[in-house]
mmCIF file of all heavy atoms, coordinates in Angstrom:
data_MODEL
# 
_entry.id   MODEL 
# 
loop_
_atom_site.group_PDB 
_atom_site.id 
_atom_site.type_symbol 
_atom_site.label_atom_id 
_atom_site.label_alt_id 
_atom_site.label_comp_id 
_atom_site.label_asym_id 
_atom_site.label_entity_id 
_atom_site.label_seq_id 
_atom_site.pdbx_PDB_ins_code 
_atom_site.Cartn_x 
_atom_site.Cartn_y 
_atom_site.Cartn_z 
_atom_site.occupancy 
_atom_site.B_iso_or_equiv 
_atom_site.pdbx_formal_charge 
_atom_site.auth_seq_id 
_atom_site.auth_comp_id 
_atom_site.auth_asym_id 
_atom_site.auth_atom_id 
_atom_site.pdbx_PDB_model_num 
ATOM 1   N N   . ASP A 1 1  ? 61.096 51.317 -26.222 1.00 0.00 ? 1  ASP A N   1 
ATOM 2   C CA  . ASP A 1 1  ? 62.395 52.022 -26.224 1.00 0.00 ? 1  ASP A CA  1 
ATOM 3   C C   . ASP A 1 1  ? 62.885 52.380 -27.625 1.00 0.00 ? 1  ASP A C   1 
ATOM 4   O O   . ASP A 1 1  ? 64.071 52.430 -27.882 1.00 0.00 ? 1  ASP A O   1 
ATOM 5   C CB  . ASP A 1 1  ? 63.472 51.199 -25.510 1.00 0.00 ? 1  ASP A CB  1 
ATOM 6   C CG  . ASP A 1 1  ? 63.335 51.244 -23.999 1.00 0.00 ? 1  ASP A CG  1 
ATOM 7   O OD1 . ASP A 1 1  ? 62.807 52.236 -23.480 1.00 0.00 ? 1  ASP A OD1 1 
ATOM 8   O OD2 . ASP A 1 1  ? 63.762 50.287 -23.343 1.00 0.00 ? 1  ASP A OD2 1 
ATOM 9   N N   . LYS A 1 2  ? 61.944 52.663 -28.523 1.00 0.00 ? 2  LYS A N   1 
ATOM 10  C CA  . LYS A 1 2  ? 62.330 52.994 -29.878 1.00 0.00 ? 2  LYS A CA  1 
ATOM 11  C C   . LYS A 1 2  ? 61.802 54.367 -30.299 1.00 0.00 ? 2  LYS A C   1 
ATOM 12  O O   . LYS A 1 2  ? 60.598 54.597 -30.353 1.00 0.00 ? 2  LYS A O   1 
ATOM 13  C CB  . LYS A 1 2  ? 61.794 51.940 -30.869 1.00 0.00 ? 2  LYS A CB  1 
ATOM 14  C CG  . LYS A 1 2  ? 62.470 50.586 -30.702 1.00 0.00 ? 2  LYS A CG  1 
ATOM 15  C CD  . LYS A 1 2  ? 61.928 49.580 -31.693 1.00 0.00 ? 2  LYS A CD  1 
ATOM 16  C CE  . LYS A 1 2  ? 62.630 48.211 -31.512 1.00 0.00 ? 2  LYS A CE  1 
ATOM 17  N NZ  . LYS A 1 2  ? 62.079 47.204 -32.453 1.00 0.00 ? 2  LYS A NZ  1 
ATOM 18  N N   . ALA A 1 3  ? 62.739 55.273 -30.587 1.00 0.00 ? 3  ALA A N   1 
ATOM 19  C CA  . ALA A 1 3  ? 62.358 56.599 -31.076 1.00 0.00 ? 3  ALA A CA  1 
ATOM 20  C C   . ALA A 1 3  ? 61.596 56.496 -32.391 1.00 0.00 ? 3  ALA A C   1 
ATOM 21  O O   . ALA A 1 3  ? 60.731 57.315 -32.694 1.00 0.00 ? 3  ALA A O   1 
ATOM 22  C CB  . ALA A 1 3  ? 63.615 57.444 -31.257 1.00 0.00 ? 3  ALA A CB  1 
ATOM 23  N N   . GLN A 1 4  ? 61.888 55.475 -33.177 1.00 0.00 ? 4  GLN A N   1 
ATOM 24  C CA  . GLN A 1 4  ? 61.212 55.294 -34.437 1.00 0.00 ? 4  GLN A CA  1 
ATOM 25  C C   . GLN A 1 4  ? 59.705 55.116 -34.262 1.00 0.00 ? 4  GLN A C   1 
ATOM 26  O O   . GLN A 1 4  ? 58.900 55.564 -35.097 1.00 0.00 ? 4  GLN A O   1 
ATOM 27  C CB  . GLN A 1 4  ? 61.786 54.053 -35.160 1.00 0.00 ? 4  GLN A CB  1 
ATOM 28  C CG  . GLN A 1 4  ? 61.244 53.861 -36.583 1.00 0.00 ? 4  GLN A CG  1 
ATOM 29  C CD  . GLN A 1 4  ? 61.616 55.002 -37.516 1.00 0.00 ? 4  GLN A CD  1 
ATOM 30  O OE1 . GLN A 1 4  ? 62.820 55.293 -37.711 1.00 0.00 ? 4  GLN A OE1 1 
ATOM 31  N NE2 . GLN A 1 4  ? 60.639 55.631 -38.123 1.00 0.00 ? 4  GLN A NE2 1 
ATOM 32  N N   . SER A 1 5  ? 59.302 54.514 -33.146 1.00 0.00 ? 5  SER A N   1 
ATOM 33  C CA  . SER A 1 5  ? 57.874 54.342 -32.866 1.00 0.00 ? 5  SER A CA  1 
ATOM 34  C C   . SER A 1 5  ? 57.212 55.694 -32.648 1.00 0.00 ? 5  SER A C   1 
ATOM 35  O O   . SER A 1 5  ? 56.072 55.931 -33.088 1.00 0.00 ? 5  SER A O   1 
ATOM 36  C CB  . SER A 1 5  ? 57.684 53.457 -31.639 1.00 0.00 ? 5  SER A CB  1 
ATOM 37  O OG  . SER A 1 5  ? 58.210 52.171 -31.848 1.00 0.00 ? 5  SER A OG  1 
ATOM 38  N N   . VAL A 1 6  ? 57.916 56.593 -31.930 1.00 0.00 ? 6  VAL A N   1 
ATOM 39  C CA  . VAL A 1 6  ? 57.414 57.945 -31.682 1.00 0.00 ? 6  VAL A CA  1 
ATOM 40  C C   . VAL A 1 6  ? 57.256 58.678 -33.007 1.00 0.00 ? 6  VAL A C   1 
ATOM 41  O O   . VAL A 1 6  ? 56.216 59.341 -33.272 1.00 0.00 ? 6  VAL A O   1 
ATOM 42  C CB  . VAL A 1 6  ? 58.312 58.707 -30.715 1.00 0.00 ? 6  VAL A CB  1 
ATOM 43  C CG1 . VAL A 1 6  ? 57.792 60.132 -30.540 1.00 0.00 ? 6  VAL A CG1 1 
ATOM 44  C CG2 . VAL A 1 6  ? 58.387 57.978 -29.400 1.00 0.00 ? 6  VAL A CG2 1 
ATOM 45  N N   . LEU A 1 7  ? 58.285 58.580 -33.860 1.00 0.00 ? 7  LEU A N   1 
ATOM 46  C CA  . LEU A 1 7  ? 58.224 59.256 -35.151 1.00 0.00 ? 7  LEU A CA  1 
ATOM 47  C C   . LEU A 1 7  ? 57.091 58.699 -36.013 1.00 0.00 ? 7  LEU A C   1 
ATOM 48  O O   . LEU A 1 7  ? 56.413 59.431 -36.731 1.00 0.00 ? 7  LEU A O   1 
ATOM 49  C CB  . LEU A 1 7  ? 59.554 59.113 -35.871 1.00 0.00 ? 7  LEU A CB  1 
ATOM 50  C CG  . LEU A 1 7  ? 59.646 59.819 -37.245 1.00 0.00 ? 7  LEU A CG  1 
ATOM 51  C CD1 . LEU A 1 7  ? 59.373 61.303 -37.126 1.00 0.00 ? 7  LEU A CD1 1 
ATOM 52  C CD2 . LEU A 1 7  ? 61.030 59.565 -37.862 1.00 0.00 ? 7  LEU A CD2 1 
ATOM 53  N N   . GLY A 1 8  ? 56.843 57.387 -35.890 1.00 0.00 ? 8  GLY A N   1 
ATOM 54  C CA  . GLY A 1 8  ? 55.737 56.785 -36.631 1.00 0.00 ? 8  GLY A CA  1 
ATOM 55  C C   . GLY A 1 8  ? 54.401 57.357 -36.221 1.00 0.00 ? 8  GLY A C   1 
ATOM 56  O O   . GLY A 1 8  ? 53.541 57.614 -37.035 1.00 0.00 ? 8  GLY A O   1 
ATOM 57  N N   . ALA A 1 9  ? 54.217 57.558 -34.890 1.00 0.00 ? 9  ALA A N   1 
ATOM 58  C CA  . ALA A 1 9  ? 52.970 58.139 -34.397 1.00 0.00 ? 9  ALA A CA  1 
ATOM 59  C C   . ALA A 1 9  ? 52.797 59.574 -34.912 1.00 0.00 ? 9  ALA A C   1 
ATOM 60  O O   . ALA A 1 9  ? 51.714 59.973 -35.350 1.00 0.00 ? 9  ALA A O   1 
ATOM 61  C CB  . ALA A 1 9  ? 52.948 58.143 -32.888 1.00 0.00 ? 9  ALA A CB  1 
ATOM 62  N N   . LEU A 1 10 ? 53.887 60.343 -34.912 1.00 0.00 ? 10 LEU A N   1 
ATOM 63  C CA  . LEU A 1 10 ? 53.822 61.715 -35.392 1.00 0.00 ? 10 LEU A CA  1 
ATOM 64  C C   . LEU A 1 10 ? 53.532 61.769 -36.906 1.00 0.00 ? 10 LEU A C   1 
ATOM 65  O O   . LEU A 1 10 ? 52.794 62.618 -37.387 1.00 0.00 ? 10 LEU A O   1 
ATOM 66  C CB  . LEU A 1 10 ? 55.130 62.445 -35.095 1.00 0.00 ? 10 LEU A CB  1 
ATOM 67  C CG  . LEU A 1 10 ? 55.440 62.663 -33.615 1.00 0.00 ? 10 LEU A CG  1 
ATOM 68  C CD1 . LEU A 1 10 ? 56.868 63.143 -33.431 1.00 0.00 ? 10 LEU A CD1 1 
ATOM 69  C CD2 . LEU A 1 10 ? 54.468 63.673 -33.004 1.00 0.00 ? 10 LEU A CD2 1 
ATOM 70  N N   . SER A 1 11 ? 54.125 60.841 -37.638 1.00 0.00 ? 11 SER A N   1 
ATOM 71  C CA  . SER A 1 11 ? 53.894 60.782 -39.088 1.00 0.00 ? 11 SER A CA  1 
ATOM 72  C C   . SER A 1 11 ? 52.418 60.460 -39.373 1.00 0.00 ? 11 SER A C   1 
ATOM 73  O O   . SER A 1 11 ? 51.809 61.027 -40.316 1.00 0.00 ? 11 SER A O   1 
ATOM 74  C CB  . SER A 1 11 ? 54.799 59.733 -39.721 1.00 0.00 ? 11 SER A CB  1 
ATOM 75  O OG  . SER A 1 11 ? 56.155 60.058 -39.507 1.00 0.00 ? 11 SER A OG  1 
ATOM 76  N N   . GLY A 1 12 ? 51.842 59.562 -38.564 1.00 0.00 ? 12 GLY A N   1 
ATOM 77  C CA  . GLY A 1 12 ? 50.422 59.259 -38.723 1.00 0.00 ? 12 GLY A CA  1 
ATOM 78  C C   . GLY A 1 12 ? 49.552 60.473 -38.456 1.00 0.00 ? 12 GLY A C   1 
ATOM 79  O O   . GLY A 1 12 ? 48.510 60.684 -39.096 1.00 0.00 ? 12 GLY A O   1 
ATOM 80  N N   . TYR A 1 13 ? 49.941 61.297 -37.496 1.00 0.00 ? 13 TYR A N   1 
ATOM 81  C CA  . TYR A 1 13 ? 49.222 62.535 -37.169 1.00 0.00 ? 13 TYR A CA  1 
ATOM 82  C C   . TYR A 1 13 ? 49.230 63.475 -38.348 1.00 0.00 ? 13 TYR A C   1 
ATOM 83  O O   . TYR A 1 13 ? 48.198 64.090 -38.676 1.00 0.00 ? 13 TYR A O   1 
ATOM 84  C CB  . TYR A 1 13 ? 49.917 63.180 -35.960 1.00 0.00 ? 13 TYR A CB  1 
ATOM 85  C CG  . TYR A 1 13 ? 49.145 64.322 -35.295 1.00 0.00 ? 13 TYR A CG  1 
ATOM 86  C CD1 . TYR A 1 13 ? 47.750 64.282 -35.169 1.00 0.00 ? 13 TYR A CD1 1 
ATOM 87  C CD2 . TYR A 1 13 ? 49.829 65.383 -34.753 1.00 0.00 ? 13 TYR A CD2 1 
ATOM 88  C CE1 . TYR A 1 13 ? 47.061 65.313 -34.514 1.00 0.00 ? 13 TYR A CE1 1 
ATOM 89  C CE2 . TYR A 1 13 ? 49.154 66.415 -34.105 1.00 0.00 ? 13 TYR A CE2 1 
ATOM 90  C CZ  . TYR A 1 13 ? 47.772 66.370 -33.982 1.00 0.00 ? 13 TYR A CZ  1 
ATOM 91  O OH  . TYR A 1 13 ? 47.112 67.380 -33.336 1.00 0.00 ? 13 TYR A OH  1 
ATOM 92  N N   . LEU A 1 14 ? 50.353 63.558 -39.026 1.00 0.00 ? 14 LEU A N   1 
ATOM 93  C CA  . LEU A 1 14 ? 50.450 64.407 -40.237 1.00 0.00 ? 14 LEU A CA  1 
ATOM 94  C C   . LEU A 1 14 ? 49.519 63.897 -41.334 1.00 0.00 ? 14 LEU A C   1 
ATOM 95  O O   . LEU A 1 14 ? 48.836 64.678 -42.012 1.00 0.00 ? 14 LEU A O   1 
ATOM 96  C CB  . LEU A 1 14 ? 51.880 64.488 -40.739 1.00 0.00 ? 14 LEU A CB  1 
ATOM 97  C CG  . LEU A 1 14 ? 52.882 65.164 -39.826 1.00 0.00 ? 14 LEU A CG  1 
ATOM 98  C CD1 . LEU A 1 14 ? 54.303 65.032 -40.402 1.00 0.00 ? 14 LEU A CD1 1 
ATOM 99  C CD2 . LEU A 1 14 ? 52.548 66.644 -39.603 1.00 0.00 ? 14 LEU A CD2 1 
ATOM 100 N N   . ARG A 1 15 ? 49.509 62.595 -41.538 1.00 0.00 ? 15 ARG A N   1 
ATOM 101 C CA  . ARG A 1 15 ? 48.657 62.032 -42.571 1.00 0.00 ? 15 ARG A CA  1 
ATOM 102 C C   . ARG A 1 15 ? 47.203 62.263 -42.259 1.00 0.00 ? 15 ARG A C   1 
ATOM 103 O O   . ARG A 1 15 ? 46.397 62.607 -43.109 1.00 0.00 ? 15 ARG A O   1 
ATOM 104 C CB  . ARG A 1 15 ? 48.931 60.532 -42.731 1.00 0.00 ? 15 ARG A CB  1 
ATOM 105 C CG  . ARG A 1 15 ? 50.266 60.204 -43.345 1.00 0.00 ? 15 ARG A CG  1 
ATOM 106 C CD  . ARG A 1 15 ? 50.364 58.735 -43.733 1.00 0.00 ? 15 ARG A CD  1 
ATOM 107 N NE  . ARG A 1 15 ? 50.341 57.872 -42.574 1.00 0.00 ? 15 ARG A NE  1 
ATOM 108 C CZ  . ARG A 1 15 ? 51.417 57.501 -41.889 1.00 0.00 ? 15 ARG A CZ  1 
ATOM 109 N NH1 . ARG A 1 15 ? 52.622 57.931 -42.242 1.00 0.00 ? 15 ARG A NH1 1 
ATOM 110 N NH2 . ARG A 1 15 ? 51.281 56.700 -40.838 1.00 0.00 ? 15 ARG A NH2 1 
ATOM 111 N N   . HIS A 1 16 ? 46.833 62.102 -40.985 1.00 0.00 ? 16 HIS A N   1 
ATOM 112 C CA  . HIS A 1 16 ? 45.458 62.320 -40.557 1.00 0.00 ? 16 HIS A CA  1 
ATOM 113 C C   . HIS A 1 16 ? 44.996 63.754 -40.826 1.00 0.00 ? 16 HIS A C   1 
ATOM 114 O O   . HIS A 1 16 ? 43.841 63.984 -41.229 1.00 0.00 ? 16 HIS A O   1 
ATOM 115 C CB  . HIS A 1 16 ? 45.323 62.012 -39.061 1.00 0.00 ? 16 HIS A CB  1 
ATOM 116 C CG  . HIS A 1 16 ? 43.993 62.313 -38.476 1.00 0.00 ? 16 HIS A CG  1 
ATOM 117 N ND1 . HIS A 1 16 ? 42.874 61.530 -38.679 1.00 0.00 ? 16 HIS A ND1 1 
ATOM 118 C CD2 . HIS A 1 16 ? 43.569 63.354 -37.687 1.00 0.00 ? 16 HIS A CD2 1 
ATOM 119 C CE1 . HIS A 1 16 ? 41.832 62.061 -38.068 1.00 0.00 ? 16 HIS A CE1 1 
ATOM 120 N NE2 . HIS A 1 16 ? 42.200 63.160 -37.459 1.00 0.00 ? 16 HIS A NE2 1 
ATOM 121 N N   . GLY A 1 17 ? 45.902 64.721 -40.626 1.00 0.00 ? 17 GLY A N   1 
ATOM 122 C CA  . GLY A 1 17 ? 45.576 66.128 -40.852 1.00 0.00 ? 17 GLY A CA  1 
ATOM 123 C C   . GLY A 1 17 ? 45.801 66.575 -42.294 1.00 0.00 ? 17 GLY A C   1 
ATOM 124 O O   . GLY A 1 17 ? 45.654 67.762 -42.599 1.00 0.00 ? 17 GLY A O   1 
ATOM 125 N N   . LYS A 1 18 ? 46.140 65.611 -43.171 1.00 0.00 ? 18 LYS A N   1 
ATOM 126 C CA  . LYS A 1 18 ? 46.358 65.910 -44.589 1.00 0.00 ? 18 LYS A CA  1 
ATOM 127 C C   . LYS A 1 18 ? 47.394 67.021 -44.791 1.00 0.00 ? 18 LYS A C   1 
ATOM 128 O O   . LYS A 1 18 ? 47.254 67.901 -45.660 1.00 0.00 ? 18 LYS A O   1 
ATOM 129 C CB  . LYS A 1 18 ? 45.040 66.250 -45.294 1.00 0.00 ? 18 LYS A CB  1 
ATOM 130 C CG  . LYS A 1 18 ? 44.019 65.144 -45.234 1.00 0.00 ? 18 LYS A CG  1 
ATOM 131 C CD  . LYS A 1 18 ? 42.718 65.511 -45.915 1.00 0.00 ? 18 LYS A CD  1 
ATOM 132 C CE  . LYS A 1 18 ? 41.726 64.345 -45.843 1.00 0.00 ? 18 LYS A CE  1 
ATOM 133 N NZ  . LYS A 1 18 ? 40.396 64.697 -46.463 1.00 0.00 ? 18 LYS A NZ  1 
ATOM 134 N N   . VAL A 1 19 ? 48.451 66.952 -43.967 1.00 0.00 ? 19 VAL A N   1 
ATOM 135 C CA  . VAL A 1 19 ? 49.516 67.951 -44.067 1.00 0.00 ? 19 VAL A CA  1 
ATOM 136 C C   . VAL A 1 19 ? 50.379 67.600 -45.276 1.00 0.00 ? 19 VAL A C   1 
ATOM 137 O O   . VAL A 1 19 ? 50.759 66.453 -45.484 1.00 0.00 ? 19 VAL A O   1 
ATOM 138 C CB  . VAL A 1 19 ? 50.388 67.941 -42.780 1.00 0.00 ? 19 VAL A CB  1 
ATOM 139 C CG1 . VAL A 1 19 ? 51.596 68.855 -42.953 1.00 0.00 ? 19 VAL A CG1 1 
ATOM 140 C CG2 . VAL A 1 19 ? 49.530 68.347 -41.595 1.00 0.00 ? 19 VAL A CG2 1 
ATOM 141 N N   . LYS A 1 20 ? 50.692 68.605 -46.099 1.00 0.00 ? 20 LYS A N   1 
ATOM 142 C CA  . LYS A 1 20 ? 51.590 68.437 -47.233 1.00 0.00 ? 20 LYS A CA  1 
ATOM 143 C C   . LYS A 1 20 ? 53.026 68.507 -46.698 1.00 0.00 ? 20 LYS A C   1 
ATOM 144 O O   . LYS A 1 20 ? 53.449 69.546 -46.221 1.00 0.00 ? 20 LYS A O   1 
ATOM 145 C CB  . LYS A 1 20 ? 51.356 69.515 -48.269 1.00 0.00 ? 20 LYS A CB  1 
ATOM 146 C CG  . LYS A 1 20 ? 49.957 69.525 -48.869 1.00 0.00 ? 20 LYS A CG  1 
ATOM 147 C CD  . LYS A 1 20 ? 49.701 68.285 -49.725 1.00 0.00 ? 20 LYS A CD  1 
ATOM 148 C CE  . LYS A 1 20 ? 48.351 68.378 -50.415 1.00 0.00 ? 20 LYS A CE  1 
ATOM 149 N NZ  . LYS A 1 20 ? 48.054 67.191 -51.228 1.00 0.00 ? 20 LYS A NZ  1 
ATOM 150 N N   . VAL A 1 21 ? 53.749 67.423 -46.786 1.00 0.00 ? 21 VAL A N   1 
ATOM 151 C CA  . VAL A 1 21 ? 55.101 67.342 -46.252 1.00 0.00 ? 21 VAL A CA  1 
ATOM 152 C C   . VAL A 1 21 ? 56.091 67.402 -47.410 1.00 0.00 ? 21 VAL A C   1 
ATOM 153 O O   . VAL A 1 21 ? 55.993 66.641 -48.363 1.00 0.00 ? 21 VAL A O   1 
ATOM 154 C CB  . VAL A 1 21 ? 55.310 66.047 -45.443 1.00 0.00 ? 21 VAL A CB  1 
ATOM 155 C CG1 . VAL A 1 21 ? 56.767 65.985 -44.926 1.00 0.00 ? 21 VAL A CG1 1 
ATOM 156 C CG2 . VAL A 1 21 ? 54.339 66.017 -44.281 1.00 0.00 ? 21 VAL A CG2 1 
ATOM 157 N N   . ALA A 1 22 ? 57.036 68.327 -47.304 1.00 0.00 ? 22 ALA A N   1 
ATOM 158 C CA  . ALA A 1 22 ? 58.104 68.429 -48.319 1.00 0.00 ? 22 ALA A CA  1 
ATOM 159 C C   . ALA A 1 22 ? 59.467 68.279 -47.623 1.00 0.00 ? 22 ALA A C   1 
ATOM 160 O O   . ALA A 1 22 ? 59.906 69.185 -46.958 1.00 0.00 ? 22 ALA A O   1 
ATOM 161 C CB  . ALA A 1 22 ? 58.008 69.765 -49.065 1.00 0.00 ? 22 ALA A CB  1 
ATOM 162 N N   . CYS A 1 23 ? 60.062 67.126 -47.801 1.00 0.00 ? 23 CYS A N   1 
ATOM 163 C CA  . CYS A 1 23 ? 61.412 66.907 -47.278 1.00 0.00 ? 23 CYS A CA  1 
ATOM 164 C C   . CYS A 1 23 ? 62.419 67.246 -48.373 1.00 0.00 ? 23 CYS A C   1 
ATOM 165 O O   . CYS A 1 23 ? 62.116 67.235 -49.572 1.00 0.00 ? 23 CYS A O   1 
ATOM 166 C CB  . CYS A 1 23 ? 61.604 65.459 -46.833 1.00 0.00 ? 23 CYS A CB  1 
ATOM 167 S SG  . CYS A 1 23 ? 60.608 65.034 -45.385 1.00 0.00 ? 23 CYS A SG  1 
ATOM 168 N N   . GLY A 1 24 ? 63.625 67.594 -47.958 1.00 0.00 ? 24 GLY A N   1 
ATOM 169 C CA  . GLY A 1 24 ? 64.619 68.082 -48.929 1.00 0.00 ? 24 GLY A CA  1 
ATOM 170 C C   . GLY A 1 24 ? 64.263 69.456 -49.426 1.00 0.00 ? 24 GLY A C   1 
ATOM 171 O O   . GLY A 1 24 ? 64.764 69.906 -50.466 1.00 0.00 ? 24 GLY A O   1 
ATOM 172 N N   . ALA A 1 25 ? 63.408 70.149 -48.683 1.00 0.00 ? 25 ALA A N   1 
ATOM 173 C CA  . ALA A 1 25 ? 62.953 71.499 -49.070 1.00 0.00 ? 25 ALA A CA  1 
ATOM 174 C C   . ALA A 1 25 ? 63.584 72.536 -48.163 1.00 0.00 ? 25 ALA A C   1 
ATOM 175 O O   . ALA A 1 25 ? 63.031 72.909 -47.122 1.00 0.00 ? 25 ALA A O   1 
ATOM 176 C CB  . ALA A 1 25 ? 61.435 71.579 -49.014 1.00 0.00 ? 25 ALA A CB  1 
ATOM 177 N N   . GLY A 1 26 ? 64.749 72.999 -48.528 1.00 0.00 ? 26 GLY A N   1 
ATOM 178 C CA  . GLY A 1 26 ? 65.453 74.033 -47.735 1.00 0.00 ? 26 GLY A CA  1 
ATOM 179 C C   . GLY A 1 26 ? 64.811 75.398 -47.945 1.00 0.00 ? 26 GLY A C   1 
ATOM 180 O O   . GLY A 1 26 ? 64.542 75.815 -49.080 1.00 0.00 ? 26 GLY A O   1 
# 
């Protein structure tokens, strides 16, 4: 029952695909 767990899985997916993530990038 934790949304944080879902976000963790998605974050792992980004790392696996070597996606360049830029937060604070409007």
